[in-house]
Amino acid sequence: MIRASAAALCLALAACGTTYQVPVTGGPAATAVPATQAPAGARRSARDFRRVAARIEPVAENVCREESPGAPTTYCDYVILLEDDPRMPPNAFQTVTDAGRPAIVVGARLLDQMQSNDEIAFVLSHEASHHIARHLSKQQQSQMLGALILGGLVAATGASSDPAANQRAIEDAMNIGAFVGGRAWSQDFELEADWLGAFIAARAGFDPERGAAVFARPALASSGGPVILSTHPPSPQRTALAARAGAEIRRQQAAGLVPRPAYAQSRF
């Protein structure tokens, strides 16, 4: 029973995986030009943010429509916001408004750490890519599957003769299952968003390799770790992936193509 349920959980979560083929760049020891070597610049302002957002938004919407041609108009109609609430940690995230529009929210405290418009562009493109790759819905599906499968396993075993104790055990198992399910693909989703985001940033006229210097900033620097403990990959792996994306984008441009991840699928 336990082995069967574990296998079912693995198979179910596999259906919630990545959409795009992303090149393997290694783990924490991946070789990359350290982001800290990028030329330092002045901290970015809200005005810089608005300028970059104005260039990223139409490109992100075009890429979204390319990848989801049959989606409703609102599905690719991005809202990009700068949140200046000091209580918000230095972070950025993607969500969906009540009207069904994808929203990208960047905290002002994260903007304070950015040192180039390329970094702003990379963060915005990364968050836009989470929506294009349907990561939010996949994560929710993965959480639900994890909760149902582990909760069902405990319910089937009926370890206690006390109904209340069994109910608590089931609820605990569902919470654990949701936690595991929610993190099962988190690092892969981040790398997929980095990869797709590099194409968006480049098509908007920014340099994704310089933009990846943002991973050296205190708010985003990560040493990685097991997926169950860390939702983000190690920073060297992410900068290495940005370098691979930059090389692939230049190859496509030299061939006269408008860069798209789909053109790289057969190369990895």
Protein backbone atom coordinates (compact mmCIF):
# COMPACT_ATOMS: atom_id res chain seq x y z
CA MET A 1 0.00 0.00 0.00
CA ILE A 2 2.72 2.47 1.00
CA ARG A 3 4.84 1.71 -2.07
CA ALA A 4 1.85 1.95 -4.36
CA SER A 5 0.80 5.28 -2.87
CA ALA A 6 4.34 6.65 -3.10
CA ALA A 7 4.51 5.60 -6.74
CA ALA A 8 1.13 7.18 -7.41
CA LEU A 9 2.30 10.42 -5.81
CA CYS A 10 5.42 10.50 -8.00
CA LEU A 11 3.43 9.82 -11.16
CA ALA A 12 0.78 12.38 -10.30
CA LEU A 13 3.33 15.08 -9.53
CA ALA A 14 5.19 14.32 -12.76
CA ALA A 15 2.16 15.60 -14.65
CA CYS A 16 2.67 18.99 -13.01
CA GLY A 17 6.22 19.39 -14.30
CA THR A 18 7.88 21.84 -16.64
CA THR A 19 6.71 22.69 -20.17
CA TYR A 20 9.95 23.84 -21.78
CA GLN A 21 13.16 21.90 -22.24
CA VAL A 22 15.80 23.72 -20.21
CA PRO A 23 19.51 22.95 -20.64
CA VAL A 24 21.24 21.34 -17.68
CA THR A 25 23.80 23.68 -16.14
CA GLY A 26 24.85 21.70 -13.07
CA GLY A 27 24.20 22.26 -9.39
CA PRO A 28 25.67 24.64 -6.84
CA ALA A 29 29.15 24.32 -8.31
CA ALA A 30 28.06 25.25 -11.84
CA THR A 31 30.64 27.31 -13.66
CA ALA A 32 29.53 30.81 -14.53
CA VAL A 33 30.88 34.31 -14.58
CA PRO A 34 30.12 35.53 -11.04
CA ALA A 35 27.30 38.04 -11.12
CA THR A 36 29.28 40.26 -8.77
CA GLN A 37 31.71 40.92 -11.64
CA ALA A 38 29.03 42.83 -13.52
CA PRO A 39 29.67 46.57 -13.58
CA ALA A 40 28.02 48.17 -10.58
CA GLY A 41 25.62 51.01 -11.20
CA ALA A 42 23.44 53.34 -9.25
CA ARG A 43 20.38 51.96 -7.56
CA ARG A 44 17.34 51.96 -9.78
CA SER A 45 14.48 54.39 -9.25
CA ALA A 46 10.73 54.07 -9.67
CA ARG A 47 11.16 56.02 -12.89
CA ASP A 48 13.62 53.42 -14.17
CA PHE A 49 11.14 50.72 -13.21
CA ARG A 50 8.32 52.33 -15.19
CA ARG A 51 10.53 52.75 -18.26
CA VAL A 52 11.62 49.13 -18.22
CA ALA A 53 8.10 47.87 -17.52
CA ALA A 54 6.80 49.82 -20.52
CA ARG A 55 9.21 47.89 -22.75
CA ILE A 56 8.81 44.47 -21.16
CA GLU A 57 5.01 44.42 -20.97
CA PRO A 58 4.19 44.35 -24.72
CA VAL A 59 6.91 41.79 -25.41
CA ALA A 60 5.75 39.54 -22.57
CA GLU A 61 2.19 39.79 -23.89
CA ASN A 62 3.33 38.86 -27.41
CA VAL A 63 5.27 35.86 -26.13
CA CYS A 64 2.30 34.84 -23.99
CA ARG A 65 0.02 34.91 -27.04
CA GLU A 66 2.55 32.92 -29.07
CA GLU A 67 2.62 30.22 -26.42
CA SER A 68 -1.14 30.29 -25.68
CA PRO A 69 -2.76 31.19 -29.03
CA GLY A 70 -6.28 30.19 -28.01
CA ALA A 71 -6.34 31.92 -24.62
CA PRO A 72 -8.82 34.70 -23.78
CA THR A 73 -7.65 38.28 -24.31
CA THR A 74 -7.28 38.92 -20.59
CA TYR A 75 -5.02 35.89 -20.15
CA CYS A 76 -2.03 37.74 -21.61
CA ASP A 77 -3.00 41.27 -20.54
CA TYR A 78 -0.32 41.89 -17.91
CA VAL A 79 -0.50 44.31 -15.01
CA ILE A 80 2.92 45.35 -13.67
CA LEU A 81 3.04 46.98 -10.24
CA LEU A 82 5.70 48.44 -7.96
CA GLU A 83 4.71 47.90 -4.33
CA ASP A 84 6.19 50.53 -2.03
CA ASP A 85 4.71 49.12 1.18
CA PRO A 86 7.73 48.90 3.52
CA ARG A 87 6.23 45.77 5.09
CA MET A 88 6.70 43.83 1.86
CA PRO A 89 9.99 41.93 1.86
CA PRO A 90 12.49 42.46 -0.98
CA ASN A 91 10.76 40.13 -3.38
CA ALA A 92 8.77 39.85 -6.60
CA PHE A 93 5.92 37.51 -7.47
CA GLN A 94 3.32 36.70 -10.08
CA THR A 95 -0.37 36.38 -9.32
CA VAL A 96 -3.73 36.76 -11.07
CA THR A 97 -6.22 39.57 -10.51
CA ASP A 98 -9.91 39.01 -9.82
CA ALA A 99 -10.53 39.95 -13.46
CA GLY A 100 -8.25 37.14 -14.62
CA ARG A 101 -5.31 39.30 -15.66
CA PRO A 102 -1.76 38.18 -14.84
CA ALA A 103 -0.12 40.57 -12.38
CA ILE A 104 3.57 41.06 -11.65
CA VAL A 105 4.37 42.70 -8.33
CA VAL A 106 7.85 43.92 -7.42
CA GLY A 107 8.66 45.21 -3.96
CA ALA A 108 10.39 48.58 -3.71
CA ARG A 109 12.91 47.03 -1.33
CA LEU A 110 14.00 44.64 -4.08
CA LEU A 111 14.23 47.49 -6.58
CA ASP A 112 16.55 49.26 -4.14
CA GLN A 113 19.04 46.41 -4.57
CA MET A 114 19.04 46.40 -8.37
CA GLN A 115 21.92 48.09 -10.14
CA SER A 116 20.88 48.14 -13.81
CA ASN A 117 17.81 48.26 -16.01
CA ASP A 118 18.83 44.83 -17.31
CA GLU A 119 18.26 43.47 -13.81
CA ILE A 120 14.80 45.02 -13.64
CA ALA A 121 14.01 43.57 -17.06
CA PHE A 122 15.19 40.10 -16.05
CA VAL A 123 13.05 40.04 -12.91
CA LEU A 124 9.95 41.24 -14.77
CA SER A 125 10.51 38.76 -17.60
CA HIS A 126 11.08 35.95 -15.10
CA GLU A 127 7.79 36.67 -13.33
CA ALA A 128 5.95 36.99 -16.65
CA SER A 129 7.31 33.57 -17.58
CA HIS A 130 5.81 31.94 -14.49
CA HIS A 131 2.41 32.83 -15.93
CA ILE A 132 3.23 31.76 -19.49
CA ALA A 133 4.44 28.37 -18.23
CA ARG A 134 1.34 28.07 -15.98
CA HIS A 135 3.41 27.54 -12.86
CA LEU A 136 0.82 28.92 -10.45
CA SER A 137 -1.88 26.49 -11.55
CA LYS A 138 0.61 23.60 -11.73
CA GLN A 139 1.78 24.30 -8.19
CA GLN A 140 -1.80 24.38 -6.93
CA GLN A 141 -2.55 21.12 -8.73
CA SER A 142 0.59 19.56 -7.27
CA GLN A 143 -0.39 20.66 -3.76
CA MET A 144 -3.87 19.22 -4.16
CA LEU A 145 -2.60 15.90 -5.50
CA GLY A 146 -0.04 15.59 -2.72
CA ALA A 147 -2.69 16.28 -0.09
CA LEU A 148 -5.19 13.82 -1.56
CA ILE A 149 -2.73 10.98 -2.05
CA LEU A 150 -1.01 11.14 1.34
CA GLY A 151 -4.28 11.87 3.09
CA GLY A 152 -5.84 8.90 1.31
CA LEU A 153 -2.97 6.66 2.35
CA VAL A 154 -3.45 7.49 6.02
CA ALA A 155 -7.21 7.13 5.73
CA ALA A 156 -6.81 3.68 4.16
CA THR A 157 -4.51 2.41 6.90
CA GLY A 158 -6.89 3.44 9.73
CA ALA A 159 -4.07 3.29 12.27
CA SER A 160 -6.22 4.24 15.26
CA SER A 161 -9.55 3.05 16.58
CA ASP A 162 -10.25 6.62 17.69
CA PRO A 163 -12.13 8.46 14.88
CA ALA A 164 -10.92 11.86 16.11
CA ALA A 165 -7.30 10.69 16.13
CA ASN A 166 -7.70 9.27 12.65
CA GLN A 167 -9.14 12.56 11.42
CA ARG A 168 -6.21 14.50 12.88
CA ALA A 169 -3.78 12.05 11.29
CA ILE A 170 -5.48 12.46 7.92
CA GLU A 171 -5.38 16.25 8.18
CA ASP A 172 -1.70 16.18 9.15
CA ALA A 173 -0.93 13.89 6.22
CA MET A 174 -2.81 16.16 3.82
CA ASN A 175 -0.86 19.17 5.07
CA ILE A 176 2.42 17.34 4.60
CA GLY A 177 1.34 16.13 1.17
CA ALA A 178 0.40 19.65 0.11
CA PHE A 179 3.75 20.97 1.35
CA VAL A 180 5.72 18.31 -0.51
CA GLY A 181 3.59 18.68 -3.62
CA GLY A 182 3.96 22.44 -3.63
CA ARG A 183 7.74 22.19 -3.55
CA ALA A 184 8.19 19.18 -5.80
CA TRP A 185 8.88 21.27 -8.90
CA SER A 186 9.73 24.65 -7.36
CA GLN A 187 13.40 24.80 -8.39
CA ASP A 188 12.61 23.47 -11.87
CA PHE A 189 9.91 26.11 -12.25
CA GLU A 190 12.38 28.84 -11.29
CA LEU A 191 14.91 27.65 -13.86
CA GLU A 192 12.22 27.36 -16.52
CA ALA A 193 11.13 30.94 -15.79
CA ASP A 194 14.77 32.08 -16.00
CA TRP A 195 15.16 30.39 -19.39
CA LEU A 196 11.95 31.73 -20.92
CA GLY A 197 12.45 35.10 -19.23
CA ALA A 198 15.84 35.52 -20.90
CA PHE A 199 14.12 35.37 -24.29
CA ILE A 200 11.54 37.96 -23.27
CA ALA A 201 14.19 40.33 -21.92
CA ALA A 202 16.32 39.97 -25.05
CA ARG A 203 13.38 40.60 -27.36
CA ALA A 204 12.66 43.79 -25.41
CA GLY A 205 16.23 44.96 -26.05
CA PHE A 206 17.82 44.06 -22.71
CA ASP A 207 20.81 41.86 -21.90
CA PRO A 208 19.68 38.78 -19.94
CA GLU A 209 23.24 37.88 -18.98
CA ARG A 210 23.76 41.26 -17.34
CA GLY A 211 20.28 40.97 -15.90
CA ALA A 212 21.21 37.73 -14.17
CA ALA A 213 23.57 39.76 -11.98
CA VAL A 214 20.47 40.31 -9.87
CA PHE A 215 21.04 36.84 -8.39
CA ALA A 216 24.07 38.22 -6.57
CA ARG A 217 21.97 40.80 -4.75
CA PRO A 218 21.29 39.98 -1.09
CA ALA A 219 17.55 39.48 -1.57
CA LEU A 220 17.94 36.87 -4.32
CA ALA A 221 21.30 35.23 -3.62
CA SER A 222 20.82 31.52 -2.98
CA SER A 223 23.10 28.60 -2.29
CA GLY A 224 20.34 26.20 -3.26
CA GLY A 225 19.76 23.03 -1.31
CA PRO A 226 17.32 20.11 -1.36
CA VAL A 227 14.05 20.95 -3.11
CA ILE A 228 12.10 20.17 0.05
CA LEU A 229 14.07 22.89 1.89
CA SER A 230 14.75 25.51 -0.77
CA THR A 231 12.35 26.78 -3.42
CA HIS A 232 15.11 28.49 -5.43
CA PRO A 233 18.12 27.00 -7.24
CA PRO A 234 21.67 28.12 -6.39
CA SER A 235 22.62 31.48 -7.89
CA PRO A 236 25.64 30.13 -9.87
CA GLN A 237 23.34 27.66 -11.62
CA ARG A 238 20.96 30.46 -12.56
CA THR A 239 23.68 32.74 -13.93
CA ALA A 240 25.10 29.80 -15.90
CA LEU A 241 21.65 29.17 -17.38
CA ALA A 242 21.32 32.85 -18.34
CA ALA A 243 24.66 32.57 -20.15
CA ARG A 244 23.40 29.51 -22.05
CA ALA A 245 20.22 31.36 -22.92
CA GLY A 246 22.20 34.38 -24.12
CA ALA A 247 24.29 32.19 -26.42
CA GLU A 248 21.20 30.49 -27.81
CA ILE A 249 19.46 33.82 -28.37
CA ARG A 250 22.47 35.14 -30.30
CA ARG A 251 22.52 31.96 -32.41
CA GLN A 252 18.88 32.43 -33.33
CA GLN A 253 19.33 36.12 -34.08
CA ALA A 254 22.30 35.33 -36.35
CA ALA A 255 20.01 32.94 -38.23
CA GLY A 256 17.52 35.76 -38.76
CA LEU A 257 14.99 34.43 -36.28
CA VAL A 258 12.93 36.19 -33.65
CA PRO A 259 14.23 34.33 -30.58
CA ARG A 260 11.88 31.72 -29.13
CA PRO A 261 12.52 28.86 -26.72
CA ALA A 262 10.79 26.49 -29.16
CA TYR A 263 13.61 26.92 -31.66
CA ALA A 264 16.06 25.57 -29.10
CA GLN A 265 14.10 22.48 -28.10
CA SER A 266 16.05 20.06 -30.27
CA ARG A 267 19.43 21.37 -29.17
CA PHE A 268 19.45 20.04 -25.59
